C-alpha atoms as a PDB file:
ATOM      1  CA  MET A   1       0.000   0.000   0.000  1.00  0.00           C
ATOM      2  CA  SER A   2       1.174   3.521  -0.782  1.00  0.00           C
ATOM      3  CA  TRP A   3       0.973   6.053   2.055  1.00  0.00           C
ATOM      4  CA  SER A   4       1.001   9.830   1.755  1.00  0.00           C
ATOM      5  CA  ASP A   5       3.186  11.839   4.155  1.00  0.00           C
ATOM      6  CA  GLU A   6       0.060  12.795   6.118  1.00  0.00           C
ATOM      7  CA  GLU A   7      -0.940   9.152   6.549  1.00  0.00           C
ATOM      8  CA  VAL A   8       2.399   7.856   7.862  1.00  0.00           C
ATOM      9  CA  LEU A   9       2.166   7.364  11.640  1.00  0.00           C
ATOM     10  CA  GLN A  10       4.867   7.746  14.273  1.00  0.00           C
ATOM     11  CA  LEU A  11       6.323   4.400  15.262  1.00  0.00           C
ATOM     12  CA  SER A  12       6.562   5.528  18.895  1.00  0.00           C
ATOM     13  CA  GLY A  13       2.782   5.966  18.920  1.00  0.00           C
ATOM     14  CA  LEU A  14       2.375   2.188  18.908  1.00  0.00           C
ATOM     15  CA  GLN A  15       3.527   2.084  22.531  1.00  0.00           C
ATOM     16  CA  HIS A  16       1.041   4.838  23.454  1.00  0.00           C
ATOM     17  CA  PHE A  17      -1.761   3.041  21.611  1.00  0.00           C
ATOM     18  CA  ALA A  18      -1.096  -0.304  23.311  1.00  0.00           C
ATOM     19  CA  PHE A  19      -1.065   1.398  26.715  1.00  0.00           C
ATOM     20  CA  CYS A  20      -4.199   3.488  26.098  1.00  0.00           C
ATOM     21  CA  ARG A  21      -6.016   4.174  22.827  1.00  0.00           C
ATOM     22  CA  ARG A  22      -7.340   7.475  24.116  1.00  0.00           C
ATOM     23  CA  GLN A  23      -3.866   8.632  25.175  1.00  0.00           C
ATOM     24  CA  TRP A  24      -2.569   7.868  21.689  1.00  0.00           C
ATOM     25  CA  ALA A  25      -5.419   9.773  20.030  1.00  0.00           C
ATOM     26  CA  LEU A  26      -5.022  12.816  22.286  1.00  0.00           C
ATOM     27  CA  ILE A  27      -1.325  13.000  21.373  1.00  0.00           C
ATOM     28  CA  HIS A  28      -1.286  11.928  17.728  1.00  0.00           C
ATOM     29  CA  ILE A  29      -4.713  13.049  16.476  1.00  0.00           C
ATOM     30  CA  GLU A  30      -5.561  16.051  18.662  1.00  0.00           C
ATOM     31  CA  GLY A  31      -1.939  17.170  19.120  1.00  0.00           C
ATOM     32  CA  LEU A  32      -2.162  17.462  22.921  1.00  0.00           C
ATOM     33  CA  TRP A  33       0.785  16.970  25.245  1.00  0.00           C
ATOM     34  CA  GLN A  34       1.636  17.720  28.839  1.00  0.00           C
ATOM     35  CA  GLU A  35       4.836  16.968  30.713  1.00  0.00           C
ATOM     36  CA  ASN A  36       5.187  15.354  34.102  1.00  0.00           C
ATOM     37  CA  LEU A  37       8.163  13.971  36.023  1.00  0.00           C
ATOM     38  CA  ARG A  38       7.972  10.621  34.248  1.00  0.00           C
ATOM     39  CA  THR A  39       7.977  12.132  30.753  1.00  0.00           C
ATOM     40  CA  VAL A  40      10.861  14.495  31.552  1.00  0.00           C
ATOM     41  CA  GLU A  41      12.933  11.675  33.019  1.00  0.00           C
ATOM     42  CA  GLY A  42      12.076   9.527  30.000  1.00  0.00           C
ATOM     43  CA  ASP A  43      13.159  12.275  27.586  1.00  0.00           C
ATOM     44  CA  LEU A  44      16.505  12.676  29.360  1.00  0.00           C
ATOM     45  CA  PHE A  45      17.021   8.915  29.392  1.00  0.00           C
ATOM     46  CA  HIS A  46      16.299   8.654  25.655  1.00  0.00           C
ATOM     47  CA  ALA A  47      18.454  11.693  24.819  1.00  0.00           C
ATOM     48  CA  ARG A  48      21.538   9.743  25.836  1.00  0.00           C
ATOM     49  CA  ALA A  49      20.498   6.733  23.743  1.00  0.00           C
ATOM     50  CA  HIS A  50      19.623   8.919  20.733  1.00  0.00           C
ATOM     51  CA  ASP A  51      22.968  10.684  20.425  1.00  0.00           C
ATOM     52  CA  GLU A  52      23.326  10.262  16.672  1.00  0.00           C
ATOM     53  CA  GLN A  53      26.938  11.442  16.785  1.00  0.00           C
ATOM     54  CA  GLN A  54      27.937   8.265  18.605  1.00  0.00           C
ATOM     55  CA  ARG A  55      29.044   5.305  16.512  1.00  0.00           C
ATOM     56  CA  GLU A  56      30.722   2.620  18.552  1.00  0.00           C
ATOM     57  CA  ARG A  57      32.633  -0.496  17.676  1.00  0.00           C
ATOM     58  CA  ARG A  58      32.961  -3.163  20.343  1.00  0.00           C
ATOM     59  CA  GLY A  59      34.740  -6.150  18.907  1.00  0.00           C
ATOM     60  CA  ASN A  60      32.357  -7.797  16.465  1.00  0.00           C
ATOM     61  CA  VAL A  61      29.485  -5.440  17.347  1.00  0.00           C
ATOM     62  CA  LEU A  62      28.820  -2.118  15.624  1.00  0.00           C
ATOM     63  CA  ILE A  63      26.481   0.211  17.553  1.00  0.00           C
ATOM     64  CA  LEU A  64      24.415   2.947  15.876  1.00  0.00           C
ATOM     65  CA  ARG A  65      22.148   5.354  17.775  1.00  0.00           C
ATOM     66  CA  GLY A  66      19.045   7.233  16.666  1.00  0.00           C
ATOM     67  CA  LEU A  67      18.785   5.304  13.395  1.00  0.00           C
ATOM     68  CA  GLN A  68      15.873   6.547  11.265  1.00  0.00           C
ATOM     69  CA  VAL A  69      13.602   3.700  10.133  1.00  0.00           C
ATOM     70  CA  PHE A  70      10.388   3.333   8.147  1.00  0.00           C
ATOM     71  CA  SER A  71       8.021   0.736   6.751  1.00  0.00           C
ATOM     72  CA  HIS A  72       6.016   1.282   3.567  1.00  0.00           C
ATOM     73  CA  THR A  73       4.029  -1.837   4.404  1.00  0.00           C
ATOM     74  CA  LEU A  74       2.944  -0.666   7.864  1.00  0.00           C
ATOM     75  CA  GLY A  75       2.813   3.062   7.124  1.00  0.00           C
ATOM     76  CA  ILE A  76       5.088   4.102  10.009  1.00  0.00           C
ATOM     77  CA  SER A  77       8.382   5.900  10.549  1.00  0.00           C
ATOM     78  CA  GLY A  78      10.545   6.700  13.544  1.00  0.00           C
ATOM     79  CA  GLN A  79      13.843   6.135  15.293  1.00  0.00           C
ATOM     80  CA  CYS A  80      15.519   3.184  16.952  1.00  0.00           C
ATOM     81  CA  ASP A  81      17.194   4.069  20.246  1.00  0.00           C
ATOM     82  CA  VAL A  82      20.104   1.706  19.578  1.00  0.00           C
ATOM     83  CA  THR A  83      20.680  -0.672  16.692  1.00  0.00           C
ATOM     84  CA  GLU A  84      23.454  -3.191  17.161  1.00  0.00           C
ATOM     85  CA  PHE A  85      24.941  -4.917  14.137  1.00  0.00           C
ATOM     86  CA  HIS A  86      26.576  -8.232  14.997  1.00  0.00           C
ATOM     87  CA  LEU A  87      29.181  -9.645  12.632  1.00  0.00           C
ATOM     88  CA  SER A  88      27.490 -12.771  11.263  1.00  0.00           C
ATOM     89  CA  PRO A  89      27.499 -14.874   8.082  1.00  0.00           C
ATOM     90  CA  GLU A  90      23.694 -14.544   8.131  1.00  0.00           C
ATOM     91  CA  GLY A  91      23.810 -10.741   8.184  1.00  0.00           C
ATOM     92  CA  VAL A  92      23.642  -8.033   5.537  1.00  0.00           C
ATOM     93  CA  PRO A  93      26.362  -5.847   4.003  1.00  0.00           C
ATOM     94  CA  LEU A  94      26.872  -2.362   5.438  1.00  0.00           C
ATOM     95  CA  ARG A  95      28.432   0.511   3.566  1.00  0.00           C
ATOM     96  CA  GLY A  96      31.999   1.124   4.693  1.00  0.00           C
ATOM     97  CA  GLU A  97      32.180  -2.090   6.709  1.00  0.00           C
ATOM     98  CA  ALA A  98      33.740  -5.418   5.738  1.00  0.00           C
ATOM     99  CA  GLY A  99      31.753  -8.604   6.265  1.00  0.00           C
ATOM    100  CA  LEU A 100      28.057  -9.202   6.959  1.00  0.00           C
ATOM    101  CA  TRP A 101      26.153  -7.747   9.899  1.00  0.00           C
ATOM    102  CA  GLN A 102      22.993  -8.945  11.672  1.00  0.00           C
ATOM    103  CA  PRO A 103      20.731  -6.130  12.975  1.00  0.00           C
ATOM    104  CA  TYR A 104      19.622  -6.282  16.632  1.00  0.00           C
ATOM    105  CA  PRO A 105      17.345  -3.431  17.835  1.00  0.00           C
ATOM    106  CA  VAL A 106      17.556  -2.294  21.468  1.00  0.00           C
ATOM    107  CA  GLU A 107      14.884   0.016  22.936  1.00  0.00           C
ATOM    108  CA  TYR A 108      15.658   1.976  26.112  1.00  0.00           C
ATOM    109  CA  LYS A 109      12.942   2.492  28.739  1.00  0.00           C
ATOM    110  CA  ARG A 110      13.258   4.600  31.873  1.00  0.00           C
ATOM    111  CA  GLY A 111      11.324   2.333  34.241  1.00  0.00           C
ATOM    112  CA  SER A 112      11.027  -1.403  34.715  1.00  0.00           C
ATOM    113  CA  PRO A 113       9.342  -4.287  32.826  1.00  0.00           C
ATOM    114  CA  LYS A 114       5.554  -3.870  32.643  1.00  0.00           C
ATOM    115  CA  ASP A 115       2.568  -6.199  32.886  1.00  0.00           C
ATOM    116  CA  HIS A 116       1.472  -5.361  29.304  1.00  0.00           C
ATOM    117  CA  ASN A 117       3.210  -5.775  25.956  1.00  0.00           C
ATOM    118  CA  ALA A 118       3.328  -2.141  24.775  1.00  0.00           C
ATOM    119  CA  ASP A 119       7.128  -2.026  24.851  1.00  0.00           C
ATOM    120  CA  GLN A 120       7.441  -5.342  23.007  1.00  0.00           C
ATOM    121  CA  LEU A 121       5.105  -4.112  20.265  1.00  0.00           C
ATOM    122  CA  GLN A 122       7.174  -0.968  19.725  1.00  0.00           C
ATOM    123  CA  LEU A 123      10.409  -2.966  19.536  1.00  0.00           C
ATOM    124  CA  CYS A 124       8.874  -5.499  17.146  1.00  0.00           C
ATOM    125  CA  ALA A 125       7.706  -2.692  14.860  1.00  0.00           C
ATOM    126  CA  GLN A 126      11.277  -1.373  14.764  1.00  0.00           C
ATOM    127  CA  ALA A 127      12.461  -4.830  13.730  1.00  0.00           C
ATOM    128  CA  VAL A 128       9.872  -4.999  10.940  1.00  0.00           C
ATOM    129  CA  CYS A 129      11.084  -1.626   9.636  1.00  0.00           C
ATOM    130  CA  LEU A 130      14.698  -2.795   9.672  1.00  0.00           C
ATOM    131  CA  GLU A 131      13.757  -6.035   7.918  1.00  0.00           C
ATOM    132  CA  GLU A 132      11.988  -4.117   5.166  1.00  0.00           C
ATOM    133  CA  MET A 133      14.790  -1.572   4.753  1.00  0.00           C
ATOM    134  CA  LEU A 134      17.677  -4.046   4.822  1.00  0.00           C
ATOM    135  CA  CYS A 135      15.972  -7.085   3.232  1.00  0.00           C
ATOM    136  CA  CYS A 136      16.770  -9.405   6.113  1.00  0.00           C
ATOM    137  CA  ASP A 137      15.171 -11.435   8.912  1.00  0.00           C
ATOM    138  CA  ILE A 138      15.406 -10.364  12.559  1.00  0.00           C
ATOM    139  CA  THR A 139      14.343 -12.900  15.151  1.00  0.00           C
ATOM    140  CA  GLU A 140      14.951 -10.974  18.371  1.00  0.00           C
ATOM    141  CA  GLY A 141      15.909  -7.715  20.032  1.00  0.00           C
ATOM    142  CA  ALA A 142      16.076  -6.360  23.571  1.00  0.00           C
ATOM    143  CA  LEU A 143      14.438  -3.884  25.935  1.00  0.00           C
ATOM    144  CA  TYR A 144      16.816  -2.149  28.347  1.00  0.00           C
ATOM    145  CA  TYR A 145      15.150  -0.833  31.513  1.00  0.00           C
ATOM    146  CA  GLY A 146      16.788   1.998  33.444  1.00  0.00           C
ATOM    147  CA  GLU A 147      15.511   0.972  36.867  1.00  0.00           C
ATOM    148  CA  THR A 148      16.745  -2.613  36.688  1.00  0.00           C
ATOM    149  CA  ARG A 149      19.706  -1.816  34.414  1.00  0.00           C
ATOM    150  CA  ARG A 150      19.095  -5.085  32.662  1.00  0.00           C
ATOM    151  CA  ARG A 151      18.108  -6.194  29.201  1.00  0.00           C
ATOM    152  CA  MET A 152      15.020  -8.235  28.524  1.00  0.00           C
ATOM    153  CA  VAL A 153      15.296 -10.269  25.324  1.00  0.00           C
ATOM    154  CA  VAL A 154      12.209 -10.151  23.098  1.00  0.00           C
ATOM    155  CA  THR A 155      11.555 -12.829  20.490  1.00  0.00           C
ATOM    156  CA  PHE A 156       9.663 -11.556  17.475  1.00  0.00           C
ATOM    157  CA  THR A 157       7.097 -14.320  17.206  1.00  0.00           C
ATOM    158  CA  GLU A 158       4.416 -14.424  14.534  1.00  0.00           C
ATOM    159  CA  GLU A 159       1.857 -13.705  17.255  1.00  0.00           C
ATOM    160  CA  LEU A 160       3.699 -10.518  18.261  1.00  0.00           C
ATOM    161  CA  ARG A 161       4.096  -9.474  14.631  1.00  0.00           C
ATOM    162  CA  GLN A 162       0.371  -9.996  14.031  1.00  0.00           C
ATOM    163  CA  SER A 163      -0.416  -7.848  17.068  1.00  0.00           C
ATOM    164  CA  VAL A 164       1.712  -5.092  15.541  1.00  0.00           C
ATOM    165  CA  ARG A 165      -0.159  -5.345  12.230  1.00  0.00           C
ATOM    166  CA  ASP A 166      -3.580  -5.421  13.919  1.00  0.00           C
ATOM    167  CA  SER A 167      -2.780  -2.442  16.152  1.00  0.00           C
ATOM    168  CA  LEU A 168      -1.477  -0.342  13.273  1.00  0.00           C
ATOM    169  CA  GLU A 169      -4.488  -1.167  11.127  1.00  0.00           C
ATOM    170  CA  GLU A 170      -6.767   0.119  13.898  1.00  0.00           C
ATOM    171  CA  MET A 171      -4.547   3.176  14.415  1.00  0.00           C
ATOM    172  CA  HIS A 172      -4.721   4.084  10.727  1.00  0.00           C
ATOM    173  CA  GLN A 173      -8.514   3.708  10.764  1.00  0.00           C
ATOM    174  CA  LEU A 174      -8.888   5.989  13.794  1.00  0.00           C
ATOM    175  CA  TYR A 175      -6.431   8.499  12.343  1.00  0.00           C
ATOM    176  CA  ARG A 176      -8.306   8.701   9.034  1.00  0.00           C
ATOM    177  CA  ARG A 177     -11.579   9.268  10.916  1.00  0.00           C
ATOM    178  CA  GLY A 178      -9.991  11.739  13.328  1.00  0.00           C
ATOM    179  CA  TYR A 179     -11.705   9.827  16.119  1.00  0.00           C
ATOM    180  CA  THR A 180     -10.627   9.917  19.767  1.00  0.00           C
ATOM    181  CA  PRO A 181     -11.856   6.837  21.712  1.00  0.00           C
ATOM    182  CA  GLN A 182     -13.709   7.239  24.976  1.00  0.00           C
ATOM    183  CA  VAL A 183     -11.749   6.735  28.160  1.00  0.00           C
ATOM    184  CA  LYS A 184     -11.556   3.393  29.941  1.00  0.00           C
ATOM    185  CA  PRO A 185     -10.227   4.368  33.384  1.00  0.00           C
ATOM    186  CA  THR A 186      -7.509   2.134  34.836  1.00  0.00           C
ATOM    187  CA  LYS A 187      -5.006   2.421  37.661  1.00  0.00           C
ATOM    188  CA  GLY A 188      -2.528   3.704  35.067  1.00  0.00           C
ATOM    189  CA  CYS A 189      -4.562   6.907  34.643  1.00  0.00           C
ATOM    190  CA  ASN A 190      -3.076   8.444  37.792  1.00  0.00           C
ATOM    191  CA  ALA A 191       0.466   8.291  36.370  1.00  0.00           C
ATOM    192  CA  CYS A 192      -0.494   9.599  32.907  1.00  0.00           C
ATOM    193  CA  SER A 193       0.796  13.078  32.038  1.00  0.00           C
ATOM    194  CA  LEU A 194      -2.441  13.742  30.117  1.00  0.00           C
ATOM    195  CA  LYS A 195      -4.710  13.077  33.083  1.00  0.00           C
ATOM    196  CA  GLU A 196      -5.804  16.725  33.368  1.00  0.00           C
ATOM    197  CA  LEU A 197      -6.520  16.885  29.631  1.00  0.00           C
ATOM    198  CA  CYS A 198      -8.188  13.498  29.389  1.00  0.00           C
ATOM    199  CA  LEU A 199     -10.336  13.915  32.546  1.00  0.00           C
ATOM    200  CA  PRO A 200     -10.937  10.179  33.085  1.00  0.00           C
ATOM    201  CA  GLY A 201     -13.111  10.802  36.140  1.00  0.00           C
ATOM    202  CA  LEU A 202     -15.357  13.179  34.198  1.00  0.00           C
ATOM    203  CA  GLN A 203     -15.603  10.759  31.285  1.00  0.00           C
ATOM    204  CA  ARG A 204     -16.626   7.989  33.640  1.00  0.00           C
ATOM    205  CA  ARG A 205     -19.546  10.068  34.900  1.00  0.00           C
ATOM    206  CA  GLY A 206     -20.744  10.838  31.371  1.00  0.00           C
ATOM    207  CA  SER A 207     -20.160  13.471  28.725  1.00  0.00           C
ATOM    208  CA  ALA A 208     -18.835  16.937  29.522  1.00  0.00           C
ATOM    209  CA  TRP A 209     -22.134  18.439  28.337  1.00  0.00           C
ATOM    210  CA  GLU A 210     -24.151  16.235  30.671  1.00  0.00           C
ATOM    211  CA  TYR A 211     -21.834  17.138  33.548  1.00  0.00           C
ATOM    212  CA  LEU A 212     -22.273  20.869  32.920  1.00  0.00           C
ATOM    213  CA  ARG A 213     -26.031  20.521  32.460  1.00  0.00           C
ATOM    214  CA  ARG A 214     -26.395  18.771  35.812  1.00  0.00           C
ATOM    215  CA  ALA A 215     -24.182  21.363  37.481  1.00  0.00           C
ATOM    216  CA  MET A 216     -26.353  24.228  36.164  1.00  0.00           C
ATOM    217  CA  GLU A 217     -29.518  22.445  37.241  1.00  0.00           C
ATOM    218  CA  ASP A 218     -28.133  21.978  40.751  1.00  0.00           C
ATOM    219  CA  GLU A 219     -27.294  25.694  40.972  1.00  0.00           C
ATOM    220  CA  GLY A 220     -30.770  26.608  39.711  1.00  0.00           C
END
């Protein structure tokens, strides 16, 4: 499928969408954003990983940061925090480098492993972009969490890849319609930087118009 520039979605939005569809729509459709301590800390953490001036060589591993990636198939574009290229006979040629190199995406997260798969989906989407760009197969990557200072290996199973495709299909549909889903309050709402813009408590009680109508009736 051919995508126009306006239709191409941000790869990073996949993580927002998996965490909360309404959060994704407020950011990527309505253009709303609000900082809190978590987002600021996350930005600083990613700034170090995204230093595009850094190009490291550690033995048989070449490390690139802030690599721009895209997928015409999925209609997304974005950046990989870190992309390692491991010297391997099953890899791909790289300009200016001898031998063949196997891509291995690494996504940096400020916190710790979560009880949902939003981070895995984002990493898998990066792998799909790299596969399409470099004409190769990537079976796994890693999530590095700042709190634990450990990597968690992620295997890119067909089930995970299908979840990426299904999520992006729904995201494209919502984006074309310009539709922001209704809130589904969870315990994660309290930590969300968009809480004051989303108003999950107000949404739970009904529409904003109904809330104001009842308030005026009470005052009358």
